[in-house]
Amino acid sequence: MKQGDLITNIAITLQHHEEDSAYLTLSVGEHQNAMLHLSLQEARKLASNIIQHVHLAEVRNSLKRAALKAV
């Protein structure tokens, strides 16, 4: 991910705890400064929330651009 001159590395790996117990590890930062261990349900909820917030931001940006063009 790149924002201006800031580059953030994000890694997602599938892990197995037991035979039927899978979870995801989400690591953020070049040296894995932050790490989340998420159940599949938690990962799905996080992904849904991210998608909803990105969509909201895109709609707001689109409305702002349309308002600026109208002026």
Protein backbone atom coordinates (compact mmCIF):
# COMPACT_ATOMS: atom_id res chain seq x y z
CA MET A 1 0.00 0.00 0.00
CA LYS A 2 1.38 3.43 -0.89
CA GLN A 3 0.17 6.80 0.34
CA GLY A 4 2.37 9.68 -0.73
CA ASP A 5 5.87 8.63 0.22
CA LEU A 6 4.63 6.22 2.89
CA ILE A 7 4.76 2.55 1.92
CA THR A 8 3.10 -0.01 4.17
CA ASN A 9 3.57 -3.72 3.64
CA ILE A 10 0.55 -5.89 4.36
CA ALA A 11 0.81 -9.68 4.39
CA ILE A 12 -2.01 -12.17 4.89
CA THR A 13 -1.32 -15.83 5.53
CA LEU A 14 -3.62 -18.77 6.17
CA GLN A 15 -2.69 -20.75 9.29
CA HIS A 16 -4.02 -23.99 10.74
CA HIS A 17 -4.29 -24.45 14.50
CA GLU A 18 -5.87 -27.88 14.57
CA GLU A 19 -7.26 -30.21 11.94
CA ASP A 20 -10.39 -28.16 11.23
CA SER A 21 -9.40 -24.86 12.84
CA ALA A 22 -8.05 -22.33 10.34
CA TYR A 23 -7.26 -18.68 10.97
CA LEU A 24 -5.62 -15.80 9.16
CA THR A 25 -2.58 -13.84 10.22
CA LEU A 26 -2.53 -10.25 8.99
CA SER A 27 0.84 -8.55 9.36
CA VAL A 28 1.30 -4.83 8.85
CA GLY A 29 4.60 -3.03 8.49
CA GLU A 30 7.99 -3.79 7.04
CA HIS A 31 9.12 -5.56 10.21
CA GLN A 32 5.66 -6.92 11.08
CA ASN A 33 5.12 -4.08 13.55
CA ALA A 34 1.50 -5.13 14.00
CA MET A 35 0.02 -8.59 13.69
CA LEU A 36 -3.58 -9.77 13.96
CA HIS A 37 -4.66 -13.38 14.31
CA LEU A 38 -8.23 -13.58 13.05
CA SER A 39 -10.69 -16.42 12.89
CA LEU A 40 -12.27 -16.84 9.47
CA GLN A 41 -15.45 -15.18 10.77
CA GLU A 42 -13.48 -12.22 12.17
CA ALA A 43 -11.54 -11.86 8.91
CA ARG A 44 -14.79 -11.90 6.92
CA LYS A 45 -16.28 -9.20 9.19
CA LEU A 46 -13.13 -7.06 8.87
CA ALA A 47 -13.15 -7.42 5.09
CA SER A 48 -16.85 -6.44 4.93
CA ASN A 49 -16.24 -3.37 7.10
CA ILE A 50 -13.27 -2.29 4.98
CA ILE A 51 -15.29 -2.68 1.77
CA GLN A 52 -18.20 -0.68 3.23
CA HIS A 53 -15.92 2.16 4.35
CA VAL A 54 -14.05 2.28 1.04
CA HIS A 55 -17.35 2.39 -0.83
CA LEU A 56 -18.58 5.22 1.40
CA ALA A 57 -15.35 7.18 0.84
CA GLU A 58 -15.61 6.67 -2.94
CA VAL A 59 -19.22 7.88 -2.98
CA ARG A 60 -18.31 10.97 -0.94
CA ASN A 61 -15.37 11.75 -3.25
CA SER A 62 -17.58 11.32 -6.29
CA LEU A 63 -20.22 13.66 -4.86
CA LYS A 64 -17.56 16.27 -4.03
CA ARG A 65 -16.15 16.12 -7.58
CA ALA A 66 -19.64 16.43 -9.05
CA ALA A 67 -20.36 19.44 -6.84
CA LEU A 68 -17.10 21.12 -7.88
CA LYS A 69 -17.85 20.54 -11.58
CA ALA A 70 -21.33 22.04 -11.14
CA VAL A 71 -19.89 25.32 -9.79
